[in-house]
Amino acid sequence: MKNVAKAVFLDRDGTLIKTRVSEGRPYAINKLEDIEIELGVPEGCSELIKNGFKLIMVTNQPDVASELCREDDVTEINRYLEQVLGIVKSFVCYHSRQQNCFCRKPKPGMIFRAADEFALELSSCALIGDRAPDIQSAQVAGLSSALWIDKGYREPTPEGSYVKVLNFEEACFELLKSQKNHYYS
């Protein structure tokens, strides 16, 4: 079998790091000192890398557009996560929903940019996220898998085809299990 460049796209807030939840809605953290990495994330990332996946973060950060935080703070958080978790690159959308850009999830712009930059075969890639727009972006981009971490937020759940999990570790386990079944069945 031909060696194919593959990646796992990772959402940031609520997936890799804990997010503030108020009235059932998640909100991004805005300062490096507020980072709390989710349980099992370092181990899960390590397993994915060991199994040949590039880790690429794709994150909407509209608080920059609404001036609730600075782009420098987002960059600092992302660089820290890249170093600690082995993420090869972060792609960030700083636009608000009203700006209707192509990079903001649920649109696939960040995934397409990463695919071009890293010569990825999107049908060999997956995404792990905690919100419906994460899953929609994976579906629109044609990724092989979308794994949704159900955090119990009070917002719409994803539609279409995806795997529902309870945490990051379970997402990694399901992804690696499906990869082995796909390649060795």
C-alpha atoms as a PDB file:
ATOM      1  CA  MET A   1       0.000   0.000   0.000  1.00  0.00           C
ATOM      2  CA  LYS A   2       1.216   3.473  -0.923  1.00  0.00           C
ATOM      3  CA  ASN A   3       2.300   5.650   2.017  1.00  0.00           C
ATOM      4  CA  VAL A   4      -0.262   8.456   2.296  1.00  0.00           C
ATOM      5  CA  ALA A   5       0.206  11.701   4.224  1.00  0.00           C
ATOM      6  CA  LYS A   6      -2.449  11.665   6.938  1.00  0.00           C
ATOM      7  CA  ALA A   7      -3.383  13.998   9.734  1.00  0.00           C
ATOM      8  CA  VAL A   8      -5.762  14.463  12.613  1.00  0.00           C
ATOM      9  CA  PHE A   9      -7.264  17.920  12.772  1.00  0.00           C
ATOM     10  CA  LEU A  10      -7.799  19.017  16.367  1.00  0.00           C
ATOM     11  CA  ASP A  11     -10.115  21.675  17.681  1.00  0.00           C
ATOM     12  CA  ARG A  12      -8.599  23.661  20.552  1.00  0.00           C
ATOM     13  CA  ASP A  13     -11.037  24.887  23.228  1.00  0.00           C
ATOM     14  CA  GLY A  14     -13.068  22.089  24.777  1.00  0.00           C
ATOM     15  CA  THR A  15     -11.106  19.441  22.879  1.00  0.00           C
ATOM     16  CA  LEU A  16      -7.439  19.952  23.829  1.00  0.00           C
ATOM     17  CA  ILE A  17      -7.917  22.422  26.670  1.00  0.00           C
ATOM     18  CA  LYS A  18     -10.699  23.037  29.138  1.00  0.00           C
ATOM     19  CA  THR A  19     -13.084  25.794  28.244  1.00  0.00           C
ATOM     20  CA  ARG A  20     -15.263  27.998  30.399  1.00  0.00           C
ATOM     21  CA  VAL A  21     -18.909  26.928  30.275  1.00  0.00           C
ATOM     22  CA  SER A  22     -21.639  29.384  31.198  1.00  0.00           C
ATOM     23  CA  GLU A  23     -25.331  28.498  30.963  1.00  0.00           C
ATOM     24  CA  GLY A  24     -24.436  25.454  28.889  1.00  0.00           C
ATOM     25  CA  ARG A  25     -22.351  27.356  26.326  1.00  0.00           C
ATOM     26  CA  PRO A  26     -18.564  27.032  25.946  1.00  0.00           C
ATOM     27  CA  TYR A  27     -16.255  30.061  25.863  1.00  0.00           C
ATOM     28  CA  ALA A  28     -12.581  30.116  24.878  1.00  0.00           C
ATOM     29  CA  ILE A  29      -9.871  31.010  27.332  1.00  0.00           C
ATOM     30  CA  ASN A  30      -7.836  34.065  26.406  1.00  0.00           C
ATOM     31  CA  LYS A  31      -4.623  33.857  28.452  1.00  0.00           C
ATOM     32  CA  LEU A  32      -1.808  31.307  28.566  1.00  0.00           C
ATOM     33  CA  GLU A  33      -1.936  31.158  32.366  1.00  0.00           C
ATOM     34  CA  ASP A  34      -5.567  29.919  32.132  1.00  0.00           C
ATOM     35  CA  ILE A  35      -4.658  26.795  30.132  1.00  0.00           C
ATOM     36  CA  GLU A  36      -5.679  23.501  31.605  1.00  0.00           C
ATOM     37  CA  ILE A  37      -5.048  20.606  29.225  1.00  0.00           C
ATOM     38  CA  GLU A  38      -7.902  18.093  29.116  1.00  0.00           C
ATOM     39  CA  LEU A  39      -7.318  14.727  30.772  1.00  0.00           C
ATOM     40  CA  GLY A  40      -5.733  12.180  28.416  1.00  0.00           C
ATOM     41  CA  VAL A  41      -4.802  14.685  25.716  1.00  0.00           C
ATOM     42  CA  PRO A  42      -0.975  14.386  25.979  1.00  0.00           C
ATOM     43  CA  GLU A  43      -1.179  10.575  25.920  1.00  0.00           C
ATOM     44  CA  GLY A  44      -3.697  10.566  23.066  1.00  0.00           C
ATOM     45  CA  CYS A  45      -1.625  12.960  20.973  1.00  0.00           C
ATOM     46  CA  SER A  46       1.459  10.833  21.576  1.00  0.00           C
ATOM     47  CA  GLU A  47      -0.375   7.698  20.374  1.00  0.00           C
ATOM     48  CA  LEU A  48      -1.626   9.444  17.245  1.00  0.00           C
ATOM     49  CA  ILE A  49       1.885  10.645  16.385  1.00  0.00           C
ATOM     50  CA  LYS A  50       3.292   7.153  17.049  1.00  0.00           C
ATOM     51  CA  ASN A  51       0.751   5.803  14.559  1.00  0.00           C
ATOM     52  CA  GLY A  52       1.878   8.147  11.794  1.00  0.00           C
ATOM     53  CA  PHE A  53      -0.577  11.039  12.070  1.00  0.00           C
ATOM     54  CA  LYS A  54       0.452  14.673  11.803  1.00  0.00           C
ATOM     55  CA  LEU A  55      -1.434  16.735  14.386  1.00  0.00           C
ATOM     56  CA  ILE A  56      -2.871  19.989  13.057  1.00  0.00           C
ATOM     57  CA  MET A  57      -4.933  22.381  15.136  1.00  0.00           C
ATOM     58  CA  VAL A  58      -7.859  24.212  13.498  1.00  0.00           C
ATOM     59  CA  THR A  59      -9.517  26.754  15.754  1.00  0.00           C
ATOM     60  CA  ASN A  60     -12.066  29.553  15.491  1.00  0.00           C
ATOM     61  CA  GLN A  61     -11.022  32.494  17.682  1.00  0.00           C
ATOM     62  CA  PRO A  62     -13.660  35.193  17.057  1.00  0.00           C
ATOM     63  CA  ASP A  63     -12.854  36.921  20.372  1.00  0.00           C
ATOM     64  CA  VAL A  64     -10.045  38.667  18.481  1.00  0.00           C
ATOM     65  CA  ALA A  65     -12.518  40.216  15.999  1.00  0.00           C
ATOM     66  CA  SER A  66     -14.749  41.316  18.871  1.00  0.00           C
ATOM     67  CA  GLU A  67     -11.694  42.648  20.768  1.00  0.00           C
ATOM     68  CA  LEU A  68     -12.175  40.399  23.809  1.00  0.00           C
ATOM     69  CA  CYS A  69      -8.598  39.167  23.406  1.00  0.00           C
ATOM     70  CA  ARG A  70      -5.483  39.908  21.400  1.00  0.00           C
ATOM     71  CA  GLU A  71      -4.116  37.889  18.482  1.00  0.00           C
ATOM     72  CA  ASP A  72      -0.789  37.703  20.368  1.00  0.00           C
ATOM     73  CA  ASP A  73      -2.515  35.882  23.252  1.00  0.00           C
ATOM     74  CA  VAL A  74      -4.053  33.326  20.867  1.00  0.00           C
ATOM     75  CA  THR A  75      -0.665  32.820  19.205  1.00  0.00           C
ATOM     76  CA  GLU A  76       1.019  32.321  22.587  1.00  0.00           C
ATOM     77  CA  ILE A  77      -1.534  29.682  23.629  1.00  0.00           C
ATOM     78  CA  ASN A  78      -1.252  27.892  20.278  1.00  0.00           C
ATOM     79  CA  ARG A  79       2.568  27.830  20.334  1.00  0.00           C
ATOM     80  CA  TYR A  80       2.501  26.353  23.825  1.00  0.00           C
ATOM     81  CA  LEU A  81       0.112  23.603  22.721  1.00  0.00           C
ATOM     82  CA  GLU A  82       2.211  22.904  19.618  1.00  0.00           C
ATOM     83  CA  GLN A  83       5.310  22.405  21.773  1.00  0.00           C
ATOM     84  CA  VAL A  84       3.669  20.363  24.524  1.00  0.00           C
ATOM     85  CA  LEU A  85       1.481  18.143  22.329  1.00  0.00           C
ATOM     86  CA  GLY A  86       3.535  17.722  19.147  1.00  0.00           C
ATOM     87  CA  ILE A  87       1.165  19.713  16.924  1.00  0.00           C
ATOM     88  CA  VAL A  88       2.921  20.539  13.645  1.00  0.00           C
ATOM     89  CA  LYS A  89       0.935  23.713  12.932  1.00  0.00           C
ATOM     90  CA  SER A  90      -2.088  25.717  14.018  1.00  0.00           C
ATOM     91  CA  PHE A  91      -4.554  27.279  11.610  1.00  0.00           C
ATOM     92  CA  VAL A  92      -6.687  30.020  13.139  1.00  0.00           C
ATOM     93  CA  CYS A  93      -9.789  31.899  12.021  1.00  0.00           C
ATOM     94  CA  TYR A  94     -10.044  35.241  13.798  1.00  0.00           C
ATOM     95  CA  HIS A  95     -13.276  36.277  12.068  1.00  0.00           C
ATOM     96  CA  SER A  96     -16.717  36.636  13.599  1.00  0.00           C
ATOM     97  CA  ARG A  97     -19.652  34.606  12.293  1.00  0.00           C
ATOM     98  CA  GLN A  98     -21.027  37.773  10.651  1.00  0.00           C
ATOM     99  CA  GLN A  99     -17.881  38.174   8.525  1.00  0.00           C
ATOM    100  CA  ASN A 100     -18.848  34.952   6.701  1.00  0.00           C
ATOM    101  CA  CYS A 101     -15.292  34.005   5.757  1.00  0.00           C
ATOM    102  CA  PHE A 102     -14.261  30.669   4.194  1.00  0.00           C
ATOM    103  CA  CYS A 103     -11.873  29.763   7.006  1.00  0.00           C
ATOM    104  CA  ARG A 104     -14.369  29.793   9.904  1.00  0.00           C
ATOM    105  CA  LYS A 105     -15.693  26.368  10.839  1.00  0.00           C
ATOM    106  CA  PRO A 106     -18.121  24.916   9.755  1.00  0.00           C
ATOM    107  CA  LYS A 107     -16.567  25.937   6.437  1.00  0.00           C
ATOM    108  CA  PRO A 108     -13.497  23.882   5.452  1.00  0.00           C
ATOM    109  CA  GLY A 109     -11.023  26.670   4.614  1.00  0.00           C
ATOM    110  CA  MET A 110      -8.497  25.915   7.373  1.00  0.00           C
ATOM    111  CA  ILE A 111      -8.557  22.199   6.534  1.00  0.00           C
ATOM    112  CA  PHE A 112      -8.024  22.906   2.819  1.00  0.00           C
ATOM    113  CA  ARG A 113      -5.103  25.258   3.578  1.00  0.00           C
ATOM    114  CA  ALA A 114      -3.470  22.583   5.742  1.00  0.00           C
ATOM    115  CA  ALA A 115      -4.047  19.938   3.058  1.00  0.00           C
ATOM    116  CA  ASP A 116      -2.258  22.108   0.493  1.00  0.00           C
ATOM    117  CA  GLU A 117       0.615  22.958   2.818  1.00  0.00           C
ATOM    118  CA  PHE A 118       1.239  19.388   3.997  1.00  0.00           C
ATOM    119  CA  ALA A 119       0.186  17.473   0.839  1.00  0.00           C
ATOM    120  CA  LEU A 120      -2.496  15.615   2.784  1.00  0.00           C
ATOM    121  CA  GLU A 121      -4.891  13.079   1.357  1.00  0.00           C
ATOM    122  CA  LEU A 122      -8.050  14.327   3.091  1.00  0.00           C
ATOM    123  CA  SER A 123      -9.802  10.974   2.739  1.00  0.00           C
ATOM    124  CA  SER A 124      -7.049   9.594   5.032  1.00  0.00           C
ATOM    125  CA  CYS A 125      -7.520  12.316   7.664  1.00  0.00           C
ATOM    126  CA  ALA A 126      -9.803  12.744  10.658  1.00  0.00           C
ATOM    127  CA  LEU A 127     -10.978  15.499  12.978  1.00  0.00           C
ATOM    128  CA  ILE A 128     -11.647  15.552  16.717  1.00  0.00           C
ATOM    129  CA  GLY A 129     -13.850  18.338  18.049  1.00  0.00           C
ATOM    130  CA  ASP A 130     -16.461  19.211  20.658  1.00  0.00           C
ATOM    131  CA  ARG A 131     -18.983  21.270  18.677  1.00  0.00           C
ATOM    132  CA  ALA A 132     -21.197  20.777  15.628  1.00  0.00           C
ATOM    133  CA  PRO A 133     -19.238  23.249  13.412  1.00  0.00           C
ATOM    134  CA  ASP A 134     -16.083  21.144  13.956  1.00  0.00           C
ATOM    135  CA  ILE A 135     -17.848  18.043  12.694  1.00  0.00           C
ATOM    136  CA  GLN A 136     -19.489  19.880   9.789  1.00  0.00           C
ATOM    137  CA  SER A 137     -16.117  21.192   8.582  1.00  0.00           C
ATOM    138  CA  ALA A 138     -14.752  17.629   8.556  1.00  0.00           C
ATOM    139  CA  GLN A 139     -17.760  16.387   6.597  1.00  0.00           C
ATOM    140  CA  VAL A 140     -17.606  19.203   4.022  1.00  0.00           C
ATOM    141  CA  ALA A 141     -13.842  18.700   3.564  1.00  0.00           C
ATOM    142  CA  GLY A 142     -14.312  14.963   2.896  1.00  0.00           C
ATOM    143  CA  LEU A 143     -12.341  13.644   5.867  1.00  0.00           C
ATOM    144  CA  SER A 144     -12.573   9.915   6.566  1.00  0.00           C
ATOM    145  CA  SER A 145     -13.683  10.398  10.192  1.00  0.00           C
ATOM    146  CA  ALA A 146     -15.212  13.014  12.436  1.00  0.00           C
ATOM    147  CA  LEU A 147     -15.120  12.306  16.161  1.00  0.00           C
ATOM    148  CA  TRP A 148     -17.397  14.418  18.345  1.00  0.00           C
ATOM    149  CA  ILE A 149     -16.643  14.749  22.045  1.00  0.00           C
ATOM    150  CA  ASP A 150     -20.051  15.175  23.656  1.00  0.00           C
ATOM    151  CA  LYS A 151     -19.555  17.743  26.415  1.00  0.00           C
ATOM    152  CA  GLY A 152     -23.264  18.178  27.077  1.00  0.00           C
ATOM    153  CA  TYR A 153     -23.354  21.782  25.851  1.00  0.00           C
ATOM    154  CA  ARG A 154     -26.763  23.376  25.377  1.00  0.00           C
ATOM    155  CA  GLU A 155     -26.423  23.780  21.621  1.00  0.00           C
ATOM    156  CA  PRO A 156     -27.295  21.730  18.538  1.00  0.00           C
ATOM    157  CA  THR A 157     -25.579  18.376  18.139  1.00  0.00           C
ATOM    158  CA  PRO A 158     -23.873  17.484  14.859  1.00  0.00           C
ATOM    159  CA  GLU A 159     -25.810  16.011  11.970  1.00  0.00           C
ATOM    160  CA  GLY A 160     -24.703  13.435   9.439  1.00  0.00           C
ATOM    161  CA  SER A 161     -22.044  10.798   9.935  1.00  0.00           C
ATOM    162  CA  TYR A 162     -19.699  11.029  12.933  1.00  0.00           C
ATOM    163  CA  VAL A 163     -18.529   9.024  15.941  1.00  0.00           C
ATOM    164  CA  LYS A 164     -19.769  10.234  19.326  1.00  0.00           C
ATOM    165  CA  VAL A 165     -17.277   9.855  22.208  1.00  0.00           C
ATOM    166  CA  LEU A 166     -17.095  11.077  25.787  1.00  0.00           C
ATOM    167  CA  ASN A 167     -13.492  12.331  25.896  1.00  0.00           C
ATOM    168  CA  PHE A 168     -10.272  12.784  23.925  1.00  0.00           C
ATOM    169  CA  GLU A 169      -8.808   9.425  24.951  1.00  0.00           C
ATOM    170  CA  GLU A 170     -11.863   7.596  23.669  1.00  0.00           C
ATOM    171  CA  ALA A 171     -11.687   9.581  20.407  1.00  0.00           C
ATOM    172  CA  CYS A 172      -8.069   8.496  19.889  1.00  0.00           C
ATOM    173  CA  PHE A 173      -8.907   4.882  20.736  1.00  0.00           C
ATOM    174  CA  GLU A 174     -11.806   4.825  18.240  1.00  0.00           C
ATOM    175  CA  LEU A 175      -9.725   6.499  15.535  1.00  0.00           C
ATOM    176  CA  LEU A 176      -6.807   4.095  15.920  1.00  0.00           C
ATOM    177  CA  LYS A 177      -9.153   1.104  16.083  1.00  0.00           C
ATOM    178  CA  SER A 178     -10.877   2.154  12.844  1.00  0.00           C
ATOM    179  CA  GLN A 179      -7.506   2.780  11.174  1.00  0.00           C
ATOM    180  CA  LYS A 180      -6.309  -0.743  12.034  1.00  0.00           C
ATOM    181  CA  ASN A 181      -9.578  -2.263  10.809  1.00  0.00           C
ATOM    182  CA  HIS A 182      -9.364  -0.232   7.597  1.00  0.00           C
ATOM    183  CA  TYR A 183      -5.790  -1.188   6.764  1.00  0.00           C
ATOM    184  CA  TYR A 184      -5.750  -4.765   8.050  1.00  0.00           C
ATOM    185  CA  SER A 185      -9.181  -6.140   7.252  1.00  0.00           C
END
